């Protein structure tokens, strides 16, 4: 008996999907398998990254993608009923607690309420596998030993999407969050993480001590998530990538700022997206 999770999207989405599936499988005392079929047809972001960034093999029976692989054909070979649980709303759906064994989860599951019960286990699983070179280590050392605050400014793929739901105006949010955080720390230093460093250099107004982190691109972009998780505070974008960098931050006195304006579509209920202790601006 198994809980199956369809995995798609970039690293942040993969982490939400895994975490929700992990919790569902634990609740049912059953196995967890990942359906990676999406990556046969899509070459987006950096493809499937969970195993590269973290060690998840001991916690999941991964269904590896291949040209001959058909998830539903494999399922039909076995003599049992398979259920499908689709995400029909953005906010938390408590009906996930009532799913049967042999259920396929299909959705993004972007709320810690799906996996809060297993928070410590998931944080342990999401331990970064990093082997830093000299330049990366210098950034690590500086971030770890300063009153460092991450500011995540995501532009690249958001600007390319046909659906402009994520192209929200966060300028006022960043200014207010930076001002509030600067009052909380002595000798604060802001580290600007972005996929568009040239735009940030030219257009992002910053009157505090800061540094643009532009060394981790493409397949090494996950190191940005690792570095952001080490900061004393996080100012996240409307992005699952920076959401996870903040959630994995283990500093006891951390301050997390998140934008209230997550989507342009105000009909989407985001009440369960941001943890209660985070500061919505």
Protein backbone atom coordinates (compact mmCIF):
# COMPACT_ATOMS: atom_id res chain seq x y z
CA UNK A 1 0.00 0.00 0.00
CA UNK A 2 1.40 3.35 -1.03
CA UNK A 3 0.80 7.10 -1.19
CA UNK A 4 1.85 8.43 -4.60
CA UNK A 5 2.74 12.08 -5.18
CA UNK A 6 2.95 13.74 -8.55
CA UNK A 7 6.07 15.94 -8.61
CA UNK A 8 6.36 18.93 -10.91
CA UNK A 9 7.72 22.47 -10.99
CA UNK A 10 10.94 23.85 -9.49
CA UNK A 11 12.65 23.00 -6.24
CA UNK A 12 10.29 24.93 -3.95
CA UNK A 13 7.22 23.22 -5.43
CA UNK A 14 8.93 19.82 -5.24
CA UNK A 15 9.60 20.37 -1.54
CA UNK A 16 5.96 21.21 -0.79
CA UNK A 17 4.76 18.17 -2.73
CA UNK A 18 7.22 15.85 -1.04
CA UNK A 19 6.46 17.21 2.44
CA UNK A 20 2.70 16.82 2.00
CA UNK A 21 3.14 13.30 0.63
CA UNK A 22 5.55 12.37 3.41
CA UNK A 23 3.06 13.49 6.06
CA UNK A 24 0.16 11.71 4.33
CA UNK A 25 2.16 8.46 4.13
CA UNK A 26 3.20 8.75 7.78
CA UNK A 27 -0.40 9.30 8.81
CA UNK A 28 -1.42 6.15 6.91
CA UNK A 29 1.65 4.20 8.09
CA UNK A 30 2.41 3.32 4.49
CA UNK A 31 5.04 3.83 1.78
CA UNK A 32 5.64 6.97 -0.25
CA UNK A 33 6.40 7.00 -3.97
CA UNK A 34 7.08 9.95 -6.26
CA UNK A 35 5.70 10.13 -9.78
CA UNK A 36 8.36 11.97 -11.83
CA UNK A 37 6.62 11.54 -15.19
CA UNK A 38 6.29 15.34 -15.57
CA UNK A 39 10.02 15.66 -16.22
CA UNK A 40 9.88 13.43 -19.31
CA UNK A 41 8.05 16.18 -21.17
CA UNK A 42 9.20 19.36 -19.44
CA UNK A 43 12.69 20.78 -19.16
CA UNK A 44 11.90 23.64 -16.80
CA UNK A 45 13.92 25.11 -13.95
CA UNK A 46 16.54 22.45 -13.09
CA UNK A 47 14.26 19.43 -13.47
CA UNK A 48 13.94 17.04 -10.52
CA UNK A 49 16.26 18.37 -7.80
CA UNK A 50 15.14 16.80 -4.52
CA UNK A 51 17.66 13.95 -4.52
CA UNK A 52 20.49 16.17 -5.75
CA UNK A 53 19.94 18.82 -3.08
CA UNK A 54 18.84 16.54 -0.22
CA UNK A 55 19.15 12.85 0.60
CA UNK A 56 15.59 11.55 0.28
CA UNK A 57 16.29 7.99 -0.90
CA UNK A 58 15.83 6.43 2.50
CA UNK A 59 12.39 8.05 2.86
CA UNK A 60 10.81 7.33 -0.51
CA UNK A 61 10.51 4.71 -3.21
CA UNK A 62 11.17 7.00 -6.18
CA UNK A 63 9.44 6.18 -9.45
CA UNK A 64 12.15 7.14 -11.90
CA UNK A 65 11.13 8.78 -15.17
CA UNK A 66 11.86 7.00 -18.44
CA UNK A 67 10.49 7.05 -21.95
CA UNK A 68 8.87 3.67 -21.38
CA UNK A 69 7.39 4.60 -18.01
CA UNK A 70 3.65 5.02 -17.71
CA UNK A 71 2.49 5.55 -14.15
CA UNK A 72 -1.13 4.54 -14.66
CA UNK A 73 -0.29 1.41 -16.68
CA UNK A 74 1.90 0.22 -13.82
CA UNK A 75 -0.88 0.92 -11.31
CA UNK A 76 -3.41 -1.07 -13.36
CA UNK A 77 -1.24 -4.17 -13.22
CA UNK A 78 -2.06 -4.57 -9.54
CA UNK A 79 -5.34 -5.81 -8.15
CA UNK A 80 -6.37 -2.87 -5.97
CA UNK A 81 -8.32 0.33 -6.24
CA UNK A 82 -6.37 3.50 -6.82
CA UNK A 83 -7.79 6.84 -5.68
CA UNK A 84 -6.82 10.33 -6.75
CA UNK A 85 -6.89 13.38 -4.50
CA UNK A 86 -6.68 16.61 -6.48
CA UNK A 87 -5.90 19.97 -4.95
CA UNK A 88 -9.14 21.88 -5.58
CA UNK A 89 -8.26 24.96 -3.52
CA UNK A 90 -5.08 26.86 -2.69
CA UNK A 91 -5.62 26.98 1.08
CA UNK A 92 -5.37 23.94 3.34
CA UNK A 93 -7.81 21.12 2.65
CA UNK A 94 -8.42 19.04 5.78
CA UNK A 95 -9.90 16.23 3.66
CA UNK A 96 -6.34 15.07 2.96
CA UNK A 97 -6.51 13.48 6.41
CA UNK A 98 -9.27 11.16 5.16
CA UNK A 99 -7.60 9.82 2.02
CA UNK A 100 -7.28 6.07 1.53
CA UNK A 101 -4.16 4.04 0.99
CA UNK A 102 -3.15 3.85 -2.69
CA UNK A 103 -4.02 7.49 -3.30
CA UNK A 104 -2.34 9.74 -5.84
CA UNK A 105 -1.83 13.32 -4.61
CA UNK A 106 -1.93 15.86 -7.43
CA UNK A 107 -1.37 19.48 -6.43
CA UNK A 108 1.05 22.04 -5.01
CA UNK A 109 0.03 21.77 -1.29
CA UNK A 110 1.54 25.14 -0.35
CA UNK A 111 0.83 25.24 3.37
CA UNK A 112 2.83 23.96 6.32
CA UNK A 113 -0.46 22.71 7.76
CA UNK A 114 -0.11 19.68 5.49
CA UNK A 115 3.12 18.61 7.23
CA UNK A 116 3.46 20.66 10.44
CA UNK A 117 3.02 17.50 12.53
CA UNK A 118 6.28 16.14 11.12
CA UNK A 119 8.21 19.42 11.06
CA UNK A 120 11.34 18.10 12.76
CA UNK A 121 11.54 15.03 10.54
CA UNK A 122 11.09 17.05 7.37
CA UNK A 123 13.72 19.58 8.42
CA UNK A 124 16.13 16.70 9.00
CA UNK A 125 15.35 15.27 5.55
CA UNK A 126 15.80 18.71 4.00
CA UNK A 127 19.42 18.95 5.15
CA UNK A 128 21.44 20.43 2.30
CA UNK A 129 24.16 18.40 0.62
CA UNK A 130 26.75 21.09 -0.06
CA UNK A 131 30.39 20.97 -1.04
CA UNK A 132 31.39 24.60 -1.21
CA UNK A 133 34.26 25.92 -3.29
CA UNK A 134 36.49 28.71 -1.97
CA UNK A 135 34.30 31.58 -3.25
CA UNK A 136 31.13 29.97 -1.92
CA UNK A 137 32.74 29.28 1.44
CA UNK A 138 33.73 32.94 1.78
CA UNK A 139 30.08 33.90 1.33
CA UNK A 140 29.04 31.22 3.83
CA UNK A 141 31.55 32.47 6.41
CA UNK A 142 30.47 36.08 5.99
CA UNK A 143 26.73 35.31 6.15
CA UNK A 144 27.08 32.97 9.12
CA UNK A 145 29.15 35.39 11.19
CA UNK A 146 27.26 38.63 10.49
CA UNK A 147 23.87 40.00 11.44
CA UNK A 148 22.86 38.93 7.98
CA UNK A 149 19.44 39.44 6.41
CA UNK A 150 18.48 37.82 3.12
CA UNK A 151 16.38 39.72 0.59
CA UNK A 152 15.09 37.49 -2.20
CA UNK A 153 14.22 39.34 -5.40
CA UNK A 154 12.84 36.98 -8.01
CA UNK A 155 12.32 38.25 -11.54
CA UNK A 156 13.58 35.94 -14.32
CA UNK A 157 11.03 33.16 -14.82
CA UNK A 158 8.19 35.24 -13.33
CA UNK A 159 8.64 37.74 -16.15
CA UNK A 160 8.53 34.98 -18.77
CA UNK A 161 5.26 33.43 -17.61
CA UNK A 162 2.19 34.02 -19.75
CA UNK A 163 0.11 34.13 -16.59
CA UNK A 164 1.10 37.31 -14.76
CA UNK A 165 -0.31 36.17 -11.41
CA UNK A 166 3.13 36.30 -9.74
CA UNK A 167 4.17 39.62 -11.32
CA UNK A 168 3.11 41.56 -8.26
CA UNK A 169 4.46 45.00 -7.34
CA UNK A 170 6.58 44.38 -4.24
CA UNK A 171 8.56 47.64 -4.18
CA UNK A 172 6.76 49.12 -1.17
CA UNK A 173 6.91 45.75 0.59
CA UNK A 174 10.70 45.52 0.25
CA UNK A 175 11.23 49.10 1.43
CA UNK A 176 9.02 48.62 4.50
CA UNK A 177 10.48 45.21 5.37
CA UNK A 178 14.07 46.46 5.06
CA UNK A 179 13.28 49.48 7.25
CA UNK A 180 11.71 47.33 9.97
CA UNK A 181 14.48 44.74 9.96
CA UNK A 182 17.21 47.40 10.06
CA UNK A 183 15.80 48.65 13.38
CA UNK A 184 16.05 45.19 14.93
CA UNK A 185 19.74 44.42 14.41
CA UNK A 186 23.03 46.13 15.25
CA UNK A 187 25.34 46.48 12.24
CA UNK A 188 22.91 44.68 9.97
CA UNK A 189 24.06 43.58 6.53
CA UNK A 190 21.61 42.72 3.76
CA UNK A 191 22.38 40.02 1.23
CA UNK A 192 20.40 40.38 -1.99
CA UNK A 193 19.68 37.06 -3.68
CA UNK A 194 18.30 37.37 -7.19
CA UNK A 195 18.11 35.75 -10.61
CA UNK A 196 18.48 39.21 -12.18
CA UNK A 197 21.53 40.86 -10.57
CA UNK A 198 21.92 43.51 -13.29
CA UNK A 199 18.39 44.79 -12.68
CA UNK A 200 19.00 44.86 -8.92
CA UNK A 201 22.23 46.82 -9.34
CA UNK A 202 20.56 49.40 -11.56
CA UNK A 203 17.09 49.77 -10.08
CA UNK A 204 16.89 48.41 -6.52
CA UNK A 205 17.43 51.30 -4.11
CA UNK A 206 19.38 50.20 -1.06
CA UNK A 207 20.63 52.68 1.56
CA UNK A 208 22.03 50.06 3.95
CA UNK A 209 25.16 47.95 3.95
CA UNK A 210 24.49 45.20 1.44
CA UNK A 211 25.95 42.73 -1.02
CA UNK A 212 24.44 41.11 -4.11
CA UNK A 213 24.90 37.34 -4.14
CA UNK A 214 25.22 36.42 -7.80
CA UNK A 215 27.51 33.40 -7.77
CA UNK A 216 24.90 30.61 -7.68
CA UNK A 217 23.16 30.19 -11.02
CA UNK A 218 21.27 27.38 -12.79
CA UNK A 219 22.10 23.95 -11.29
CA UNK A 220 23.81 25.61 -8.31
CA UNK A 221 20.93 27.97 -7.54
CA UNK A 222 19.90 25.77 -4.59
CA UNK A 223 22.95 27.10 -2.71
CA UNK A 224 21.08 30.42 -2.53
CA UNK A 225 18.36 28.64 -0.55
CA UNK A 226 21.01 27.20 1.74
CA UNK A 227 22.68 30.59 2.28
CA UNK A 228 19.33 32.32 2.91
CA UNK A 229 18.44 29.72 5.53
CA UNK A 230 21.59 30.70 7.47
CA UNK A 231 20.65 34.38 7.79
CA UNK A 232 19.42 35.95 11.02
CA UNK A 233 16.32 37.21 9.19
CA UNK A 234 14.65 36.71 5.83
CA UNK A 235 12.72 39.04 3.55
CA UNK A 236 11.15 36.62 1.11
CA UNK A 237 9.61 37.12 -2.31
CA UNK A 238 6.26 35.67 -3.39
CA UNK A 239 8.17 32.51 -4.19
CA UNK A 240 8.16 28.98 -2.81
CA UNK A 241 11.96 28.97 -3.18
CA UNK A 242 12.41 31.75 -0.64
CA UNK A 243 9.48 30.45 1.48
CA UNK A 244 11.49 27.29 2.09
CA UNK A 245 14.71 29.19 2.78
CA UNK A 246 12.87 30.96 5.60
CA UNK A 247 11.09 27.85 6.89
CA UNK A 248 14.43 26.01 7.09
CA UNK A 249 16.03 28.88 9.02
CA UNK A 250 16.83 27.46 12.46
CA UNK A 251 17.93 30.69 14.15
CA UNK A 252 15.96 30.97 17.39
CA UNK A 253 15.31 34.70 17.09
CA UNK A 254 14.74 34.79 13.35
CA UNK A 255 12.44 37.38 11.82
CA UNK A 256 10.65 36.47 8.61
CA UNK A 257 8.94 39.08 6.44
CA UNK A 258 6.54 37.92 3.73
CA UNK A 259 4.50 39.89 1.18
CA UNK A 260 0.77 40.07 1.77
CA UNK A 261 0.42 40.61 -1.97
CA UNK A 262 1.35 37.07 -3.07
CA UNK A 263 -0.86 36.88 -6.17
CA UNK A 264 -2.44 39.46 -8.43
CA UNK A 265 -5.63 37.40 -8.31
CA UNK A 266 -7.15 38.42 -4.97
CA UNK A 267 -9.77 35.65 -5.13
CA UNK A 268 -7.08 33.10 -4.22
CA UNK A 269 -7.20 32.37 -0.51
CA UNK A 270 -3.63 32.54 0.84
CA UNK A 271 -4.59 32.42 4.54
CA UNK A 272 -2.72 29.14 5.12
CA UNK A 273 0.37 29.96 3.07
CA UNK A 274 2.30 32.10 5.56
CA UNK A 275 3.08 30.62 9.02
CA UNK A 276 1.51 32.53 11.89
CA UNK A 277 4.83 33.73 13.38
CA UNK A 278 5.95 35.39 10.16
CA UNK A 279 5.40 39.10 9.60
CA UNK A 280 3.01 39.89 6.75
CA UNK A 281 3.62 43.25 5.09
